[in-house]
Amino acid sequence: MCYSVFHRTWWTRNPAWPGGREPGAGKRHYIEHHVETEKEAQAICREWNANHEPGFLSDKAEYEEA
């Protein structure tokens, strides 16, 4: 099985909502398109998340089956 690793935001700016943001998954930005194992995909996500602040819109890495 093959996996794709990407990051995206989980909020959208909206001044009308409390805190200025509303739930909404953003566009996927791929980090790796073809990773051979789920364990490797998880490691890439952990490393990316450890080195990138999620910020106001909660930008985080995740993976899916490719």
PDB file of N, CA and C in Angstrom:
ATOM      1  N   MET A   1       0.841  -1.178   0.000  1.00  0.00           N
ATOM      2  CA  MET A   1       0.000   0.000   0.000  1.00  0.00           C
ATOM      3  C   MET A   1       0.887   1.243   0.000  1.00  0.00           C
ATOM      4  N   CYS A   2       0.414   2.300  -0.601  1.00  0.00           N
ATOM      5  CA  CYS A   2       1.166   3.541  -0.733  1.00  0.00           C
ATOM      6  C   CYS A   2       0.378   4.675  -0.066  1.00  0.00           C
ATOM      7  N   TYR A   3       1.085   5.659   0.466  1.00  0.00           N
ATOM      8  CA  TYR A   3       0.455   6.779   1.159  1.00  0.00           C
ATOM      9  C   TYR A   3       0.955   8.111   0.611  1.00  0.00           C
ATOM     10  N   SER A   4       0.113   9.107   0.695  1.00  0.00           N
ATOM     11  CA  SER A   4       0.475  10.482   0.365  1.00  0.00           C
ATOM     12  C   SER A   4       0.430  11.292   1.656  1.00  0.00           C
ATOM     13  N   VAL A   5       1.437  12.132   1.852  1.00  0.00           N
ATOM     14  CA  VAL A   5       1.529  12.972   3.047  1.00  0.00           C
ATOM     15  C   VAL A   5       1.352  14.424   2.624  1.00  0.00           C
ATOM     16  N   PHE A   6       0.518  15.144   3.342  1.00  0.00           N
ATOM     17  CA  PHE A   6       0.236  16.537   2.993  1.00  0.00           C
ATOM     18  C   PHE A   6      -0.061  17.340   4.254  1.00  0.00           C
ATOM     19  N   HIS A   7      -0.112  18.655   4.090  1.00  0.00           N
ATOM     20  CA  HIS A   7      -0.542  19.515   5.196  1.00  0.00           C
ATOM     21  C   HIS A   7      -1.656  20.413   4.686  1.00  0.00           C
ATOM     22  N   ARG A   8      -2.504  20.847   5.602  1.00  0.00           N
ATOM     23  CA  ARG A   8      -3.587  21.767   5.276  1.00  0.00           C
ATOM     24  C   ARG A   8      -4.090  22.429   6.550  1.00  0.00           C
ATOM     25  N   THR A   9      -4.803  23.508   6.365  1.00  0.00           N
ATOM     26  CA  THR A   9      -5.390  24.207   7.504  1.00  0.00           C
ATOM     27  C   THR A   9      -6.740  23.575   7.844  1.00  0.00           C
ATOM     28  N   TRP A  10      -7.168  23.785   9.078  1.00  0.00           N
ATOM     29  CA  TRP A  10      -8.450  23.253   9.535  1.00  0.00           C
ATOM     30  C   TRP A  10      -9.453  24.346   9.881  1.00  0.00           C
ATOM     31  N   TRP A  11      -9.071  25.589   9.656  1.00  0.00           N
ATOM     32  CA  TRP A  11      -9.950  26.727   9.901  1.00  0.00           C
ATOM     33  C   TRP A  11      -9.869  27.693   8.727  1.00  0.00           C
ATOM     34  N   THR A  12     -10.923  28.491   8.561  1.00  0.00           N
ATOM     35  CA  THR A  12     -10.988  29.539   7.545  1.00  0.00           C
ATOM     36  C   THR A  12     -11.227  30.859   8.257  1.00  0.00           C
ATOM     37  N   ARG A  13     -10.572  31.907   7.807  1.00  0.00           N
ATOM     38  CA  ARG A  13     -10.794  33.230   8.418  1.00  0.00           C
ATOM     39  C   ARG A  13     -12.226  33.683   8.167  1.00  0.00           C
ATOM     40  N   ASN A  14     -12.877  34.138   9.226  1.00  0.00           N
ATOM     41  CA  ASN A  14     -14.225  34.685   9.120  1.00  0.00           C
ATOM     42  C   ASN A  14     -14.444  35.615  10.313  1.00  0.00           C
ATOM     43  N   PRO A  15     -14.329  36.912  10.110  1.00  0.00           N
ATOM     44  CA  PRO A  15     -14.460  37.862  11.212  1.00  0.00           C
ATOM     45  C   PRO A  15     -15.824  37.803  11.901  1.00  0.00           C
ATOM     46  N   ALA A  16     -16.840  37.268  11.237  1.00  0.00           N
ATOM     47  CA  ALA A  16     -18.177  37.193  11.828  1.00  0.00           C
ATOM     48  C   ALA A  16     -18.297  36.066  12.860  1.00  0.00           C
ATOM     49  N   TRP A  17     -17.366  35.122  12.853  1.00  0.00           N
ATOM     50  CA  TRP A  17     -17.400  34.005  13.799  1.00  0.00           C
ATOM     51  C   TRP A  17     -16.630  34.375  15.066  1.00  0.00           C
ATOM     52  N   PRO A  18     -16.966  33.755  16.193  1.00  0.00           N
ATOM     53  CA  PRO A  18     -16.194  33.993  17.422  1.00  0.00           C
ATOM     54  C   PRO A  18     -14.725  33.623  17.199  1.00  0.00           C
ATOM     55  N   GLY A  19     -13.836  34.468  17.595  1.00  0.00           N
ATOM     56  CA  GLY A  19     -12.411  34.222  17.426  1.00  0.00           C
ATOM     57  C   GLY A  19     -11.897  34.537  16.031  1.00  0.00           C
ATOM     58  N   GLY A  20     -12.782  34.924  15.115  1.00  0.00           N
ATOM     59  CA  GLY A  20     -12.358  35.316  13.780  1.00  0.00           C
ATOM     60  C   GLY A  20     -12.086  34.182  12.808  1.00  0.00           C
ATOM     61  N   ARG A  21     -12.525  32.977  13.150  1.00  0.00           N
ATOM     62  CA  ARG A  21     -12.323  31.844  12.245  1.00  0.00           C
ATOM     63  C   ARG A  21     -13.463  30.845  12.392  1.00  0.00           C
ATOM     64  N   GLU A  22     -13.701  30.086  11.321  1.00  0.00           N
ATOM     65  CA  GLU A  22     -14.735  29.048  11.345  1.00  0.00           C
ATOM     66  C   GLU A  22     -14.137  27.740  10.826  1.00  0.00           C
ATOM     67  N   PRO A  23     -14.713  26.599  11.206  1.00  0.00           N
ATOM     68  CA  PRO A  23     -14.185  25.314  10.735  1.00  0.00           C
ATOM     69  C   PRO A  23     -14.226  25.221   9.215  1.00  0.00           C
ATOM     70  N   GLY A  24     -13.186  24.655   8.648  1.00  0.00           N
ATOM     71  CA  GLY A  24     -13.137  24.456   7.208  1.00  0.00           C
ATOM     72  C   GLY A  24     -11.786  23.919   6.785  1.00  0.00           C
ATOM     73  N   ALA A  25     -11.766  22.693   6.277  1.00  0.00           N
ATOM     74  CA  ALA A  25     -10.510  22.086   5.821  1.00  0.00           C
ATOM     75  C   ALA A  25     -10.034  22.779   4.554  1.00  0.00           C
ATOM     76  N   GLY A  26      -8.766  23.150   4.541  1.00  0.00           N
ATOM     77  CA  GLY A  26      -8.185  23.848   3.398  1.00  0.00           C
ATOM     78  C   GLY A  26      -7.659  22.903   2.333  1.00  0.00           C
ATOM     79  N   LYS A  27      -7.082  23.480   1.306  1.00  0.00           N
ATOM     80  CA  LYS A  27      -6.493  22.741   0.189  1.00  0.00           C
ATOM     81  C   LYS A  27      -5.286  21.929   0.666  1.00  0.00           C
ATOM     82  N   ARG A  28      -5.147  20.730   0.126  1.00  0.00           N
ATOM     83  CA  ARG A  28      -3.996  19.883   0.461  1.00  0.00           C
ATOM     84  C   ARG A  28      -2.746  20.400  -0.240  1.00  0.00           C
ATOM     85  N   HIS A  29      -1.641  20.470   0.510  1.00  0.00           N
ATOM     86  CA  HIS A  29      -0.329  20.830  -0.023  1.00  0.00           C
ATOM     87  C   HIS A  29       0.579  19.624   0.247  1.00  0.00           C
ATOM     88  N   TYR A  30       0.909  18.889  -0.800  1.00  0.00           N
ATOM     89  CA  TYR A  30       1.613  17.614  -0.636  1.00  0.00           C
ATOM     90  C   TYR A  30       3.076  17.787  -0.256  1.00  0.00           C
ATOM     91  N   ILE A  31       3.472  16.997   0.730  1.00  0.00           N
ATOM     92  CA  ILE A  31       4.850  16.943   1.207  1.00  0.00           C
ATOM     93  C   ILE A  31       5.556  15.790   0.493  1.00  0.00           C
ATOM     94  N   GLU A  32       4.913  14.629   0.448  1.00  0.00           N
ATOM     95  CA  GLU A  32       5.397  13.432  -0.255  1.00  0.00           C
ATOM     96  C   GLU A  32       4.196  12.779  -0.928  1.00  0.00           C
ATOM     97  N   HIS A  33       4.349  12.420  -2.200  1.00  0.00           N
ATOM     98  CA  HIS A  33       3.236  11.794  -2.920  1.00  0.00           C
ATOM     99  C   HIS A  33       3.201  10.277  -2.765  1.00  0.00           C
ATOM    100  N   HIS A  34       4.347   9.638  -2.635  1.00  0.00           N
ATOM    101  CA  HIS A  34       4.381   8.178  -2.570  1.00  0.00           C
ATOM    102  C   HIS A  34       5.284   7.716  -1.439  1.00  0.00           C
ATOM    103  N   VAL A  35       4.661   7.312  -0.345  1.00  0.00           N
ATOM    104  CA  VAL A  35       5.376   6.774   0.810  1.00  0.00           C
ATOM    105  C   VAL A  35       4.947   5.312   0.926  1.00  0.00           C
ATOM    106  N   GLU A  36       5.896   4.427   1.103  1.00  0.00           N
ATOM    107  CA  GLU A  36       5.619   2.986   1.054  1.00  0.00           C
ATOM    108  C   GLU A  36       4.847   2.440   2.253  1.00  0.00           C
ATOM    109  N   THR A  37       5.123   2.938   3.470  1.00  0.00           N
ATOM    110  CA  THR A  37       4.476   2.359   4.651  1.00  0.00           C
ATOM    111  C   THR A  37       3.738   3.429   5.459  1.00  0.00           C
ATOM    112  N   GLU A  38       2.752   2.969   6.209  1.00  0.00           N
ATOM    113  CA  GLU A  38       2.011   3.880   7.081  1.00  0.00           C
ATOM    114  C   GLU A  38       2.924   4.424   8.181  1.00  0.00           C
ATOM    115  N   LYS A  39       3.814   3.584   8.668  1.00  0.00           N
ATOM    116  CA  LYS A  39       4.760   4.015   9.705  1.00  0.00           C
ATOM    117  C   LYS A  39       5.621   5.178   9.203  1.00  0.00           C
ATOM    118  N   GLU A  40       6.084   5.093   7.961  1.00  0.00           N
ATOM    119  CA  GLU A  40       6.879   6.172   7.369  1.00  0.00           C
ATOM    120  C   GLU A  40       6.039   7.442   7.213  1.00  0.00           C
ATOM    121  N   ALA A  41       4.789   7.293   6.784  1.00  0.00           N
ATOM    122  CA  ALA A  41       3.889   8.443   6.641  1.00  0.00           C
ATOM    123  C   ALA A  41       3.675   9.127   7.988  1.00  0.00           C
ATOM    124  N   GLN A  42       3.477   8.325   9.033  1.00  0.00           N
ATOM    125  CA  GLN A  42       3.293   8.884  10.371  1.00  0.00           C
ATOM    126  C   GLN A  42       4.539   9.632  10.831  1.00  0.00           C
ATOM    127  N   ALA A  43       5.706   9.094  10.547  1.00  0.00           N
ATOM    128  CA  ALA A  43       6.963   9.743  10.938  1.00  0.00           C
ATOM    129  C   ALA A  43       7.136  11.078  10.214  1.00  0.00           C
ATOM    130  N   ILE A  44       6.792  11.123   8.933  1.00  0.00           N
ATOM    131  CA  ILE A  44       6.891  12.374   8.178  1.00  0.00           C
ATOM    132  C   ILE A  44       5.942  13.414   8.770  1.00  0.00           C
ATOM    133  N   CYS A  45       4.738  12.997   9.118  1.00  0.00           N
ATOM    134  CA  CYS A  45       3.770  13.921   9.730  1.00  0.00           C
ATOM    135  C   CYS A  45       4.289  14.454  11.064  1.00  0.00           C
ATOM    136  N   ARG A  46       4.797  13.557  11.904  1.00  0.00           N
ATOM    137  CA  ARG A  46       5.327  13.989  13.209  1.00  0.00           C
ATOM    138  C   ARG A  46       6.458  14.993  13.032  1.00  0.00           C
ATOM    139  N   GLU A  47       7.372  14.713  12.103  1.00  0.00           N
ATOM    140  CA  GLU A  47       8.505  15.620  11.871  1.00  0.00           C
ATOM    141  C   GLU A  47       8.025  16.969  11.344  1.00  0.00           C
ATOM    142  N   TRP A  48       7.122  16.957  10.371  1.00  0.00           N
ATOM    143  CA  TRP A  48       6.620  18.203   9.801  1.00  0.00           C
ATOM    144  C   TRP A  48       5.916  19.034  10.878  1.00  0.00           C
ATOM    145  N   ASN A  49       5.055  18.386  11.656  1.00  0.00           N
ATOM    146  CA  ASN A  49       4.312  19.104  12.703  1.00  0.00           C
ATOM    147  C   ASN A  49       5.244  19.647  13.791  1.00  0.00           C
ATOM    148  N   ALA A  50       6.306  18.926  14.096  1.00  0.00           N
ATOM    149  CA  ALA A  50       7.260  19.378  15.112  1.00  0.00           C
ATOM    150  C   ALA A  50       8.055  20.596  14.648  1.00  0.00           C
ATOM    151  N   ASN A  51       8.198  20.755  13.322  1.00  0.00           N
ATOM    152  CA  ASN A  51       9.014  21.847  12.779  1.00  0.00           C
ATOM    153  C   ASN A  51       8.206  22.995  12.188  1.00  0.00           C
ATOM    154  N   HIS A  52       6.894  22.941  12.295  1.00  0.00           N
ATOM    155  CA  HIS A  52       6.031  23.990  11.752  1.00  0.00           C
ATOM    156  C   HIS A  52       4.944  24.338  12.767  1.00  0.00           C
ATOM    157  N   GLU A  53       4.915  25.585  13.155  1.00  0.00           N
ATOM    158  CA  GLU A  53       3.849  26.046  14.051  1.00  0.00           C
ATOM    159  C   GLU A  53       2.510  25.973  13.300  1.00  0.00           C
ATOM    160  N   PRO A  54       1.467  25.457  13.928  1.00  0.00           N
ATOM    161  CA  PRO A  54       0.181  25.349  13.245  1.00  0.00           C
ATOM    162  C   PRO A  54      -0.469  26.701  12.939  1.00  0.00           C
ATOM    163  N   GLY A  55      -0.130  27.711  13.720  1.00  0.00           N
ATOM    164  CA  GLY A  55      -0.665  29.044  13.482  1.00  0.00           C
ATOM    165  C   GLY A  55      -2.162  29.172  13.748  1.00  0.00           C
ATOM    166  N   PHE A  56      -2.687  30.322  13.425  1.00  0.00           N
ATOM    167  CA  PHE A  56      -4.071  30.690  13.697  1.00  0.00           C
ATOM    168  C   PHE A  56      -5.078  29.749  13.026  1.00  0.00           C
ATOM    169  N   LEU A  57      -4.720  29.244  11.840  1.00  0.00           N
ATOM    170  CA  LEU A  57      -5.653  28.398  11.082  1.00  0.00           C
ATOM    171  C   LEU A  57      -5.378  26.900  11.273  1.00  0.00           C
ATOM    172  N   SER A  58      -4.499  26.549  12.193  1.00  0.00           N
ATOM    173  CA  SER A  58      -4.187  25.163  12.548  1.00  0.00           C
ATOM    174  C   SER A  58      -3.740  24.330  11.336  1.00  0.00           C
ATOM    175  N   ASP A  59      -2.620  24.721  10.743  1.00  0.00           N
ATOM    176  CA  ASP A  59      -2.040  24.021   9.604  1.00  0.00           C
ATOM    177  C   ASP A  59      -1.249  22.809  10.123  1.00  0.00           C
ATOM    178  N   LYS A  60      -1.715  21.597   9.781  1.00  0.00           N
ATOM    179  CA  LYS A  60      -1.088  20.373  10.280  1.00  0.00           C
ATOM    180  C   LYS A  60      -0.927  19.348   9.170  1.00  0.00           C
ATOM    181  N   ALA A  61       0.068  18.474   9.344  1.00  0.00           N
ATOM    182  CA  ALA A  61       0.316  17.397   8.379  1.00  0.00           C
ATOM    183  C   ALA A  61      -0.565  16.199   8.697  1.00  0.00           C
ATOM    184  N   GLU A  62      -0.915  15.471   7.648  1.00  0.00           N
ATOM    185  CA  GLU A  62      -1.671  14.229   7.769  1.00  0.00           C
ATOM    186  C   GLU A  62      -1.370  13.375   6.547  1.00  0.00           C
ATOM    187  N   TYR A  63      -1.944  12.193   6.485  1.00  0.00           N
ATOM    188  CA  TYR A  63      -1.692  11.315   5.350  1.00  0.00           C
ATOM    189  C   TYR A  63      -2.958  10.568   4.961  1.00  0.00           C
ATOM    190  N   GLU A  64      -2.933   9.999   3.754  1.00  0.00           N
ATOM    191  CA  GLU A  64      -4.059   9.211   3.259  1.00  0.00           C
ATOM    192  C   GLU A  64      -3.511   8.115   2.350  1.00  0.00           C
ATOM    193  N   GLU A  65      -4.305   7.078   2.121  1.00  0.00           N
ATOM    194  CA  GLU A  65      -3.911   6.058   1.162  1.00  0.00           C
ATOM    195  C   GLU A  65      -3.879   6.668  -0.229  1.00  0.00           C
ATOM    196  N   ALA A  66      -2.839   6.338  -0.968  1.00  0.00           N
ATOM    197  CA  ALA A  66      -2.718   6.888  -2.328  1.00  0.00           C
ATOM    198  C   ALA A  66      -3.262   5.915  -3.354  1.00  0.00           C
TER     199      ALA A  66
END
